[in-house]
Amino acid sequence: MAAKIKKGDKVVVLAGRDKGRTGEVVKVDPTEGRAIVEGVNQVKRHQRQTKDREAGIVTKSAPIDLSNIAIADPKDGKPTRVGFKILDDGRKVRVAKRSGEQIDG
């Protein structure tokens, strides 16, 4: 199946403690069905000291389930579903169902 959410997409969180927040996708794991979104689902982790990093409590983004995020519509930034369309030159592009706007260039 074609990927509906890719690295670099602007997404909106639909459920959970960060509901309504937006961010950019840093990494997608399609086998696990999860993605890491910048600035969303922040967790604190205790880190042991090594030769190249300091010990202490580090805040980082944890993975969030793909079902809990949606692409932000390019027109108004609200969550939208993703459809696919084949252009005249044969390219397959993602399209926002909400506005009909093309997502990728």
PDB file of N, CA and C in Angstrom:
ATOM      1  N   MET A   1       0.833  -1.190   0.000  1.00  0.00           N
ATOM      2  CA  MET A   1       0.000   0.000   0.000  1.00  0.00           C
ATOM      3  C   MET A   1       0.874   1.248   0.000  1.00  0.00           C
ATOM      4  N   ALA A   2       0.437   2.271  -0.704  1.00  0.00           N
ATOM      5  CA  ALA A   2       1.200   3.514  -0.786  1.00  0.00           C
ATOM      6  C   ALA A   2       1.184   4.237   0.551  1.00  0.00           C
ATOM      7  N   ALA A   3       2.271   4.936   0.842  1.00  0.00           N
ATOM      8  CA  ALA A   3       2.397   5.631   2.125  1.00  0.00           C
ATOM      9  C   ALA A   3       1.565   6.912   2.116  1.00  0.00           C
ATOM     10  N   LYS A   4       0.677   7.043   3.107  1.00  0.00           N
ATOM     11  CA  LYS A   4      -0.147   8.236   3.199  1.00  0.00           C
ATOM     12  C   LYS A   4       0.541   9.314   4.022  1.00  0.00           C
ATOM     13  N   ILE A   5       1.398   8.900   4.960  1.00  0.00           N
ATOM     14  CA  ILE A   5       2.168   9.853   5.769  1.00  0.00           C
ATOM     15  C   ILE A   5       3.644   9.557   5.571  1.00  0.00           C
ATOM     16  N   LYS A   6       4.397  10.584   5.206  1.00  0.00           N
ATOM     17  CA  LYS A   6       5.822  10.428   4.921  1.00  0.00           C
ATOM     18  C   LYS A   6       6.642  11.386   5.774  1.00  0.00           C
ATOM     19  N   LYS A   7       7.948  11.145   5.806  1.00  0.00           N
ATOM     20  CA  LYS A   7       8.885  12.010   6.513  1.00  0.00           C
ATOM     21  C   LYS A   7       8.803  13.423   5.924  1.00  0.00           C
ATOM     22  N   GLY A   8       8.740  14.414   6.807  1.00  0.00           N
ATOM     23  CA  GLY A   8       8.695  15.804   6.357  1.00  0.00           C
ATOM     24  C   GLY A   8       7.295  16.387   6.243  1.00  0.00           C
ATOM     25  N   ASP A   9       6.253  15.556   6.376  1.00  0.00           N
ATOM     26  CA  ASP A   9       4.869  16.035   6.304  1.00  0.00           C
ATOM     27  C   ASP A   9       4.495  16.817   7.553  1.00  0.00           C
ATOM     28  N   LYS A  10       3.639  17.811   7.384  1.00  0.00           N
ATOM     29  CA  LYS A  10       3.047  18.521   8.517  1.00  0.00           C
ATOM     30  C   LYS A  10       1.798  17.746   8.916  1.00  0.00           C
ATOM     31  N   VAL A  11       1.729  17.349  10.185  1.00  0.00           N
ATOM     32  CA  VAL A  11       0.596  16.559  10.654  1.00  0.00           C
ATOM     33  C   VAL A  11      -0.050  17.187  11.886  1.00  0.00           C
ATOM     34  N   VAL A  12      -1.315  16.794  12.127  1.00  0.00           N
ATOM     35  CA  VAL A  12      -2.085  17.234  13.286  1.00  0.00           C
ATOM     36  C   VAL A  12      -2.378  16.010  14.130  1.00  0.00           C
ATOM     37  N   VAL A  13      -2.217  16.118  15.454  1.00  0.00           N
ATOM     38  CA  VAL A  13      -2.500  15.007  16.357  1.00  0.00           C
ATOM     39  C   VAL A  13      -4.008  14.979  16.625  1.00  0.00           C
ATOM     40  N   LEU A  14      -4.621  13.790  16.434  1.00  0.00           N
ATOM     41  CA  LEU A  14      -6.071  13.637  16.577  1.00  0.00           C
ATOM     42  C   LEU A  14      -6.492  13.157  17.959  1.00  0.00           C
ATOM     43  N   ALA A  15      -5.617  12.427  18.661  1.00  0.00           N
ATOM     44  CA  ALA A  15      -5.994  11.851  19.951  1.00  0.00           C
ATOM     45  C   ALA A  15      -4.799  11.833  20.893  1.00  0.00           C
ATOM     46  N   GLY A  16      -5.087  11.750  22.186  1.00  0.00           N
ATOM     47  CA  GLY A  16      -4.028  11.685  23.182  1.00  0.00           C
ATOM     48  C   GLY A  16      -3.828  13.015  23.879  1.00  0.00           C
ATOM     49  N   ARG A  17      -2.803  13.086  24.708  1.00  0.00           N
ATOM     50  CA  ARG A  17      -2.590  14.299  25.504  1.00  0.00           C
ATOM     51  C   ARG A  17      -2.143  15.485  24.653  1.00  0.00           C
ATOM     52  N   ASP A  18      -1.635  15.248  23.445  1.00  0.00           N
ATOM     53  CA  ASP A  18      -1.195  16.330  22.560  1.00  0.00           C
ATOM     54  C   ASP A  18      -2.218  16.641  21.470  1.00  0.00           C
ATOM     55  N   LYS A  19      -3.478  16.268  21.684  1.00  0.00           N
ATOM     56  CA  LYS A  19      -4.539  16.460  20.693  1.00  0.00           C
ATOM     57  C   LYS A  19      -4.598  17.914  20.230  1.00  0.00           C
ATOM     58  N   GLY A  20      -4.629  18.105  18.907  1.00  0.00           N
ATOM     59  CA  GLY A  20      -4.702  19.447  18.335  1.00  0.00           C
ATOM     60  C   GLY A  20      -3.360  20.060  17.994  1.00  0.00           C
ATOM     61  N   ARG A  21      -2.271  19.513  18.526  1.00  0.00           N
ATOM     62  CA  ARG A  21      -0.940  20.056  18.242  1.00  0.00           C
ATOM     63  C   ARG A  21      -0.487  19.634  16.848  1.00  0.00           C
ATOM     64  N   THR A  22       0.350  20.444  16.240  1.00  0.00           N
ATOM     65  CA  THR A  22       0.891  20.127  14.921  1.00  0.00           C
ATOM     66  C   THR A  22       2.398  19.993  15.001  1.00  0.00           C
ATOM     67  N   GLY A  23       2.961  19.271  14.056  1.00  0.00           N
ATOM     68  CA  GLY A  23       4.405  19.095  13.998  1.00  0.00           C
ATOM     69  C   GLY A  23       4.812  18.439  12.699  1.00  0.00           C
ATOM     70  N   GLU A  24       6.108  18.317  12.516  1.00  0.00           N
ATOM     71  CA  GLU A  24       6.647  17.709  11.301  1.00  0.00           C
ATOM     72  C   GLU A  24       7.106  16.287  11.603  1.00  0.00           C
ATOM     73  N   VAL A  25       6.809  15.375  10.680  1.00  0.00           N
ATOM     74  CA  VAL A  25       7.179  13.978  10.854  1.00  0.00           C
ATOM     75  C   VAL A  25       8.690  13.840  10.662  1.00  0.00           C
ATOM     76  N   VAL A  26       9.353  13.249  11.656  1.00  0.00           N
ATOM     77  CA  VAL A  26      10.803  13.057  11.621  1.00  0.00           C
ATOM     78  C   VAL A  26      11.138  11.671  11.072  1.00  0.00           C
ATOM     79  N   LYS A  27      10.333  10.672  11.470  1.00  0.00           N
ATOM     80  CA  LYS A  27      10.593   9.284  11.070  1.00  0.00           C
ATOM     81  C   LYS A  27       9.280   8.510  11.054  1.00  0.00           C
ATOM     82  N   VAL A  28       9.127   7.613  10.071  1.00  0.00           N
ATOM     83  CA  VAL A  28       7.949   6.752   9.991  1.00  0.00           C
ATOM     84  C   VAL A  28       8.406   5.301   9.995  1.00  0.00           C
ATOM     85  N   ASP A  29       7.748   4.471  10.823  1.00  0.00           N
ATOM     86  CA  ASP A  29       8.023   3.037  10.864  1.00  0.00           C
ATOM     87  C   ASP A  29       6.756   2.312  10.404  1.00  0.00           C
ATOM     88  N   PRO A  30       6.647   1.997   9.088  1.00  0.00           N
ATOM     89  CA  PRO A  30       5.412   1.403   8.565  1.00  0.00           C
ATOM     90  C   PRO A  30       5.127   0.000   9.103  1.00  0.00           C
ATOM     91  N   THR A  31       6.169  -0.758   9.461  1.00  0.00           N
ATOM     92  CA  THR A  31       5.926  -2.111   9.977  1.00  0.00           C
ATOM     93  C   THR A  31       5.281  -2.058  11.357  1.00  0.00           C
ATOM     94  N   GLU A  32       5.682  -1.094  12.190  1.00  0.00           N
ATOM     95  CA  GLU A  32       5.105  -0.923  13.524  1.00  0.00           C
ATOM     96  C   GLU A  32       3.846  -0.070  13.480  1.00  0.00           C
ATOM     97  N   GLY A  33       3.660   0.695  12.393  1.00  0.00           N
ATOM     98  CA  GLY A  33       2.512   1.592  12.296  1.00  0.00           C
ATOM     99  C   GLY A  33       2.642   2.799  13.203  1.00  0.00           C
ATOM    100  N   ARG A  34       3.869   3.298  13.343  1.00  0.00           N
ATOM    101  CA  ARG A  34       4.118   4.422  14.235  1.00  0.00           C
ATOM    102  C   ARG A  34       4.994   5.470  13.544  1.00  0.00           C
ATOM    103  N   ALA A  35       4.956   6.688  14.063  1.00  0.00           N
ATOM    104  CA  ALA A  35       5.768   7.781  13.526  1.00  0.00           C
ATOM    105  C   ALA A  35       6.261   8.644  14.674  1.00  0.00           C
ATOM    106  N   ILE A  36       7.403   9.289  14.461  1.00  0.00           N
ATOM    107  CA  ILE A  36       7.926  10.248  15.429  1.00  0.00           C
ATOM    108  C   ILE A  36       7.674  11.640  14.863  1.00  0.00           C
ATOM    109  N   VAL A  37       6.953  12.457  15.638  1.00  0.00           N
ATOM    110  CA  VAL A  37       6.599  13.807  15.212  1.00  0.00           C
ATOM    111  C   VAL A  37       7.336  14.789  16.113  1.00  0.00           C
ATOM    112  N   GLU A  38       7.982  15.763  15.493  1.00  0.00           N
ATOM    113  CA  GLU A  38       8.789  16.741  16.225  1.00  0.00           C
ATOM    114  C   GLU A  38       7.919  17.576  17.173  1.00  0.00           C
ATOM    115  N   GLY A  39       8.291  17.602  18.449  1.00  0.00           N
ATOM    116  CA  GLY A  39       7.595  18.420  19.436  1.00  0.00           C
ATOM    117  C   GLY A  39       6.303  17.830  19.976  1.00  0.00           C
ATOM    118  N   VAL A  40       5.990  16.597  19.586  1.00  0.00           N
ATOM    119  CA  VAL A  40       4.752  15.950  20.027  1.00  0.00           C
ATOM    120  C   VAL A  40       5.093  14.663  20.769  1.00  0.00           C
ATOM    121  N   ASN A  41       4.292  14.317  21.781  1.00  0.00           N
ATOM    122  CA  ASN A  41       4.487  13.108  22.576  1.00  0.00           C
ATOM    123  C   ASN A  41       5.873  13.100  23.222  1.00  0.00           C
ATOM    124  N   GLN A  42       6.199  14.216  23.879  1.00  0.00           N
ATOM    125  CA  GLN A  42       7.496  14.365  24.531  1.00  0.00           C
ATOM    126  C   GLN A  42       7.553  13.527  25.808  1.00  0.00           C
ATOM    127  N   VAL A  43       8.654  12.807  25.995  1.00  0.00           N
ATOM    128  CA  VAL A  43       8.879  12.021  27.204  1.00  0.00           C
ATOM    129  C   VAL A  43      10.246  12.364  27.773  1.00  0.00           C
ATOM    130  N   LYS A  44      10.394  12.190  29.089  1.00  0.00           N
ATOM    131  CA  LYS A  44      11.683  12.441  29.740  1.00  0.00           C
ATOM    132  C   LYS A  44      12.360  11.103  30.004  1.00  0.00           C
ATOM    133  N   ARG A  45      13.631  11.006  29.665  1.00  0.00           N
ATOM    134  CA  ARG A  45      14.399   9.780  29.848  1.00  0.00           C
ATOM    135  C   ARG A  45      15.670  10.102  30.626  1.00  0.00           C
ATOM    136  N   HIS A  46      15.997   9.239  31.569  1.00  0.00           N
ATOM    137  CA  HIS A  46      17.258   9.378  32.291  1.00  0.00           C
ATOM    138  C   HIS A  46      18.358   8.791  31.418  1.00  0.00           C
ATOM    139  N   GLN A  47      19.464   9.521  31.289  1.00  0.00           N
ATOM    140  CA  GLN A  47      20.536   9.094  30.408  1.00  0.00           C
ATOM    141  C   GLN A  47      21.837   8.940  31.187  1.00  0.00           C
ATOM    142  N   ARG A  48      22.490   7.814  30.981  1.00  0.00           N
ATOM    143  CA  ARG A  48      23.770   7.557  31.622  1.00  0.00           C
ATOM    144  C   ARG A  48      24.860   8.355  30.893  1.00  0.00           C
ATOM    145  N   GLN A  49      25.870   8.749  31.631  1.00  0.00           N
ATOM    146  CA  GLN A  49      26.973   9.512  31.042  1.00  0.00           C
ATOM    147  C   GLN A  49      27.859   8.606  30.202  1.00  0.00           C
ATOM    148  N   THR A  50      28.238   9.089  29.033  1.00  0.00           N
ATOM    149  CA  THR A  50      29.228   8.406  28.197  1.00  0.00           C
ATOM    150  C   THR A  50      30.319   9.411  27.873  1.00  0.00           C
ATOM    151  N   LYS A  51      31.309   8.977  27.080  1.00  0.00           N
ATOM    152  CA  LYS A  51      32.410   9.896  26.798  1.00  0.00           C
ATOM    153  C   LYS A  51      31.984  11.088  25.945  1.00  0.00           C
ATOM    154  N   ASP A  52      30.894  10.945  25.158  1.00  0.00           N
ATOM    155  CA  ASP A  52      30.493  12.057  24.309  1.00  0.00           C
ATOM    156  C   ASP A  52      29.188  12.734  24.727  1.00  0.00           C
ATOM    157  N   ARG A  53      28.515  12.281  25.786  1.00  0.00           N
ATOM    158  CA  ARG A  53      27.312  12.989  26.241  1.00  0.00           C
ATOM    159  C   ARG A  53      27.232  13.037  27.765  1.00  0.00           C
ATOM    160  N   GLU A  54      26.609  14.100  28.230  1.00  0.00           N
ATOM    161  CA  GLU A  54      26.458  14.374  29.658  1.00  0.00           C
ATOM    162  C   GLU A  54      25.333  13.515  30.253  1.00  0.00           C
ATOM    163  N   ALA A  55      25.437  13.195  31.518  1.00  0.00           N
ATOM    164  CA  ALA A  55      24.367  12.467  32.211  1.00  0.00           C
ATOM    165  C   ALA A  55      23.253  13.436  32.562  1.00  0.00           C
ATOM    166  N   GLY A  56      22.040  12.916  32.737  1.00  0.00           N
ATOM    167  CA  GLY A  56      20.934  13.770  33.156  1.00  0.00           C
ATOM    168  C   GLY A  56      19.622  13.321  32.556  1.00  0.00           C
ATOM    169  N   ILE A  57      18.632  14.166  32.700  1.00  0.00           N
ATOM    170  CA  ILE A  57      17.299  13.861  32.178  1.00  0.00           C
ATOM    171  C   ILE A  57      17.147  14.543  30.820  1.00  0.00           C
ATOM    172  N   VAL A  58      16.842  13.740  29.805  1.00  0.00           N
ATOM    173  CA  VAL A  58      16.739  14.233  28.431  1.00  0.00           C
ATOM    174  C   VAL A  58      15.280  14.137  27.975  1.00  0.00           C
ATOM    175  N   THR A  59      14.794  15.190  27.317  1.00  0.00           N
ATOM    176  CA  THR A  59      13.440  15.177  26.758  1.00  0.00           C
ATOM    177  C   THR A  59      13.541  14.853  25.275  1.00  0.00           C
ATOM    178  N   LYS A  60      12.763  13.852  24.855  1.00  0.00           N
ATOM    179  CA  LYS A  60      12.773  13.507  23.435  1.00  0.00           C
ATOM    180  C   LYS A  60      11.378  13.080  22.993  1.00  0.00           C
ATOM    181  N   SER A  61      11.156  13.055  21.674  1.00  0.00           N
ATOM    182  CA  SER A  61       9.857  12.683  21.124  1.00  0.00           C
ATOM    183  C   SER A  61       9.747  11.173  21.031  1.00  0.00           C
ATOM    184  N   ALA A  62       8.652  10.636  21.555  1.00  0.00           N
ATOM    185  CA  ALA A  62       8.385   9.199  21.486  1.00  0.00           C
ATOM    186  C   ALA A  62       7.485   8.933  20.277  1.00  0.00           C
ATOM    187  N   PRO A  63       7.484   7.691  19.759  1.00  0.00           N
ATOM    188  CA  PRO A  63       6.630   7.374  18.611  1.00  0.00           C
ATOM    189  C   PRO A  63       5.150   7.492  18.965  1.00  0.00           C
ATOM    190  N   ILE A  64       4.354   7.877  17.967  1.00  0.00           N
ATOM    191  CA  ILE A  64       2.904   7.991  18.116  1.00  0.00           C
ATOM    192  C   ILE A  64       2.269   7.143  17.019  1.00  0.00           C
ATOM    193  N   ASP A  65       1.140   6.521  17.331  1.00  0.00           N
ATOM    194  CA  ASP A  65       0.488   5.634  16.365  1.00  0.00           C
ATOM    195  C   ASP A  65      -0.021   6.425  15.158  1.00  0.00           C
ATOM    196  N   LEU A  66       0.107   5.833  13.963  1.00  0.00           N
ATOM    197  CA  LEU A  66      -0.306   6.503  12.731  1.00  0.00           C
ATOM    198  C   LEU A  66      -1.802   6.820  12.723  1.00  0.00           C
ATOM    199  N   SER A  67      -2.595   6.016  13.444  1.00  0.00           N
ATOM    200  CA  SER A  67      -4.038   6.268  13.472  1.00  0.00           C
ATOM    201  C   SER A  67      -4.382   7.527  14.264  1.00  0.00           C
ATOM    202  N   ASN A  68      -3.447   8.015  15.071  1.00  0.00           N
ATOM    203  CA  ASN A  68      -3.696   9.197  15.896  1.00  0.00           C
ATOM    204  C   ASN A  68      -3.181  10.490  15.287  1.00  0.00           C
ATOM    205  N   ILE A  69      -2.674  10.428  14.052  1.00  0.00           N
ATOM    206  CA  ILE A  69      -2.230  11.642  13.370  1.00  0.00           C
ATOM    207  C   ILE A  69      -2.860  11.711  11.986  1.00  0.00           C
ATOM    208  N   ALA A  70      -3.022  12.931  11.484  1.00  0.00           N
ATOM    209  CA  ALA A  70      -3.574  13.145  10.149  1.00  0.00           C
ATOM    210  C   ALA A  70      -2.797  14.272   9.485  1.00  0.00           C
ATOM    211  N   ILE A  71      -2.690  14.195   8.173  1.00  0.00           N
ATOM    212  CA  ILE A  71      -2.011  15.238   7.401  1.00  0.00           C
ATOM    213  C   ILE A  71      -2.750  16.563   7.598  1.00  0.00           C
ATOM    214  N   ALA A  72      -1.991  17.654   7.727  1.00  0.00           N
ATOM    215  CA  ALA A  72      -2.585  18.990   7.804  1.00  0.00           C
ATOM    216  C   ALA A  72      -2.865  19.459   6.384  1.00  0.00           C
ATOM    217  N   ASP A  73      -4.093  19.920   6.149  1.00  0.00           N
ATOM    218  CA  ASP A  73      -4.495  20.391   4.817  1.00  0.00           C
ATOM    219  C   ASP A  73      -3.605  21.567   4.394  1.00  0.00           C
ATOM    220  N   PRO A  74      -3.041  21.529   3.181  1.00  0.00           N
ATOM    221  CA  PRO A  74      -2.168  22.624   2.733  1.00  0.00           C
ATOM    222  C   PRO A  74      -2.876  23.982   2.693  1.00  0.00           C
ATOM    223  N   LYS A  75      -4.211  23.989   2.527  1.00  0.00           N
ATOM    224  CA  LYS A  75      -4.952  25.247   2.446  1.00  0.00           C
ATOM    225  C   LYS A  75      -5.174  25.900   3.806  1.00  0.00           C
ATOM    226  N   ASP A  76      -5.743  25.137   4.775  1.00  0.00           N
ATOM    227  CA  ASP A  76      -6.113  25.757   6.044  1.00  0.00           C
ATOM    228  C   ASP A  76      -5.470  25.134   7.277  1.00  0.00           C
ATOM    229  N   GLY A  77      -4.673  24.078   7.121  1.00  0.00           N
ATOM    230  CA  GLY A  77      -3.961  23.487   8.250  1.00  0.00           C
ATOM    231  C   GLY A  77      -4.790  22.565   9.125  1.00  0.00           C
ATOM    232  N   LYS A  78      -6.041  22.317   8.748  1.00  0.00           N
ATOM    233  CA  LYS A  78      -6.883  21.410   9.524  1.00  0.00           C
ATOM    234  C   LYS A  78      -6.628  19.970   9.077  1.00  0.00           C
ATOM    235  N   PRO A  79      -6.929  18.980   9.943  1.00  0.00           N
ATOM    236  CA  PRO A  79      -6.664  17.585   9.568  1.00  0.00           C
ATOM    237  C   PRO A  79      -7.502  17.131   8.384  1.00  0.00           C
ATOM    238  N   THR A  80      -6.883  16.332   7.523  1.00  0.00           N
ATOM    239  CA  THR A  80      -7.572  15.823   6.344  1.00  0.00           C
ATOM    240  C   THR A  80      -7.150  14.400   6.051  1.00  0.00           C
ATOM    241  N   ARG A  81      -8.009  13.686   5.328  1.00  0.00           N
ATOM    242  CA  ARG A  81      -7.641  12.356   4.859  1.00  0.00           C
ATOM    243  C   ARG A  81      -6.847  12.516   3.566  1.00  0.00           C
ATOM    244  N   VAL A  82      -6.188  11.429   3.162  1.00  0.00           N
ATOM    245  CA  VAL A  82      -5.324  11.486   1.991  1.00  0.00           C
ATOM    246  C   VAL A  82      -5.867  10.573   0.898  1.00  0.00           C
ATOM    247  N   GLY A  83      -5.927  11.105  -0.315  1.00  0.00           N
ATOM    248  CA  GLY A  83      -6.308  10.311  -1.478  1.00  0.00           C
ATOM    249  C   GLY A  83      -5.169  10.341  -2.473  1.00  0.00           C
ATOM    250  N   PHE A  84      -5.301   9.582  -3.531  1.00  0.00           N
ATOM    251  CA  PHE A  84      -4.260   9.541  -4.564  1.00  0.00           C
ATOM    252  C   PHE A  84      -4.860   9.891  -5.906  1.00  0.00           C
ATOM    253  N   LYS A  85      -4.042  10.530  -6.756  1.00  0.00           N
ATOM    254  CA  LYS A  85      -4.487  10.942  -8.077  1.00  0.00           C
ATOM    255  C   LYS A  85      -3.319  10.755  -9.036  1.00  0.00           C
ATOM    256  N   ILE A  86      -3.604  10.275 -10.229  1.00  0.00           N
ATOM    257  CA  ILE A  86      -2.554  10.108 -11.234  1.00  0.00           C
ATOM    258  C   ILE A  86      -2.644  11.288 -12.191  1.00  0.00           C
ATOM    259  N   LEU A  87      -1.542  12.029 -12.303  1.00  0.00           N
ATOM    260  CA  LEU A  87      -1.492  13.212 -13.163  1.00  0.00           C
ATOM    261  C   LEU A  87      -1.363  12.813 -14.630  1.00  0.00           C
ATOM    262  N   ASP A  88      -1.489  13.802 -15.502  1.00  0.00           N
ATOM    263  CA  ASP A  88      -1.398  13.552 -16.953  1.00  0.00           C
ATOM    264  C   ASP A  88      -0.046  12.987 -17.363  1.00  0.00           C
ATOM    265  N   ASP A  89       1.020  13.398 -16.652  1.00  0.00           N
ATOM    266  CA  ASP A  89       2.361  12.905 -16.995  1.00  0.00           C
ATOM    267  C   ASP A  89       2.667  11.539 -16.378  1.00  0.00           C
ATOM    268  N   GLY A  90       1.673  10.923 -15.711  1.00  0.00           N
ATOM    269  CA  GLY A  90       1.845   9.568 -15.191  1.00  0.00           C
ATOM    270  C   GLY A  90       2.294   9.481 -13.748  1.00  0.00           C
ATOM    271  N   ARG A  91       2.556  10.635 -13.099  1.00  0.00           N
ATOM    272  CA  ARG A  91       2.981  10.613 -11.704  1.00  0.00           C
ATOM    273  C   ARG A  91       1.780  10.404 -10.782  1.00  0.00           C
ATOM    274  N   LYS A  92       2.005   9.659  -9.690  1.00  0.00           N
ATOM    275  CA  LYS A  92       0.972   9.426  -8.681  1.00  0.00           C
ATOM    276  C   LYS A  92       1.248  10.365  -7.522  1.00  0.00           C
ATOM    277  N   VAL A  93       0.301  11.234  -7.216  1.00  0.00           N
ATOM    278  CA  VAL A  93       0.506  12.217  -6.156  1.00  0.00           C
ATOM    279  C   VAL A  93      -0.571  12.079  -5.085  1.00  0.00           C
ATOM    280  N   ARG A  94      -0.230  12.538  -3.871  1.00  0.00           N
ATOM    281  CA  ARG A  94      -1.190  12.540  -2.773  1.00  0.00           C
ATOM    282  C   ARG A  94      -2.030  13.810  -2.834  1.00  0.00           C
ATOM    283  N   VAL A  95      -3.315  13.650  -2.529  1.00  0.00           N
ATOM    284  CA  VAL A  95      -4.255  14.766  -2.604  1.00  0.00           C
ATOM    285  C   VAL A  95      -5.027  14.846  -1.289  1.00  0.00           C
ATOM    286  N   ALA A  96      -5.237  16.059  -0.786  1.00  0.00           N
ATOM    287  CA  ALA A  96      -6.030  16.256   0.425  1.00  0.00           C
ATOM    288  C   ALA A  96      -7.504  16.097   0.078  1.00  0.00           C
ATOM    289  N   LYS A  97      -8.206  15.195   0.780  1.00  0.00           N
ATOM    290  CA  LYS A  97      -9.623  14.950   0.508  1.00  0.00           C
ATOM    291  C   LYS A  97     -10.474  16.167   0.873  1.00  0.00           C
ATOM    292  N   ARG A  98     -10.045  16.925   1.862  1.00  0.00           N
ATOM    293  CA  ARG A  98     -10.812  18.065   2.363  1.00  0.00           C
ATOM    294  C   ARG A  98     -10.926  19.187   1.322  1.00  0.00           C
ATOM    295  N   SER A  99      -9.800  19.546   0.694  1.00  0.00           N
ATOM    296  CA  SER A  99      -9.786  20.694  -0.225  1.00  0.00           C
ATOM    297  C   SER A  99      -9.486  20.308  -1.673  1.00  0.00           C
ATOM    298  N   GLY A 100      -9.016  19.086  -1.892  1.00  0.00           N
ATOM    299  CA  GLY A 100      -8.626  18.676  -3.240  1.00  0.00           C
ATOM    300  C   GLY A 100      -7.242  19.171  -3.630  1.00  0.00           C
ATOM    301  N   GLU A 101      -6.590  19.812  -2.696  1.00  0.00           N
ATOM    302  CA  GLU A 101      -5.233  20.368  -2.925  1.00  0.00           C
ATOM    303  C   GLU A 101      -4.201  19.264  -3.002  1.00  0.00           C
ATOM    304  N   GLN A 102      -3.203  19.431  -3.864  1.00  0.00           N
ATOM    305  CA  GLN A 102      -2.125  18.456  -3.999  1.00  0.00           C
ATOM    306  C   GLN A 102      -1.156  18.605  -2.824  1.00  0.00           C
ATOM    307  N   ILE A 103      -0.778  17.476  -2.201  1.00  0.00           N
ATOM    308  CA  ILE A 103       0.099  17.515  -1.024  1.00  0.00           C
ATOM    309  C   ILE A 103       1.563  17.546  -1.417  1.00  0.00           C
ATOM    310  N   ASP A 104       1.984  16.626  -2.280  1.00  0.00           N
ATOM    311  CA  ASP A 104       3.403  16.646  -2.671  1.00  0.00           C
ATOM    312  C   ASP A 104       3.571  17.207  -4.077  1.00  0.00           C
ATOM    313  N   GLY A 105       4.718  17.858  -4.276  1.00  0.00           N
ATOM    314  CA  GLY A 105       4.984  18.557  -5.528  1.00  0.00           C
ATOM    315  C   GLY A 105       5.445  17.721  -6.586  1.00  0.00           C
TER     316      GLY A 105
END
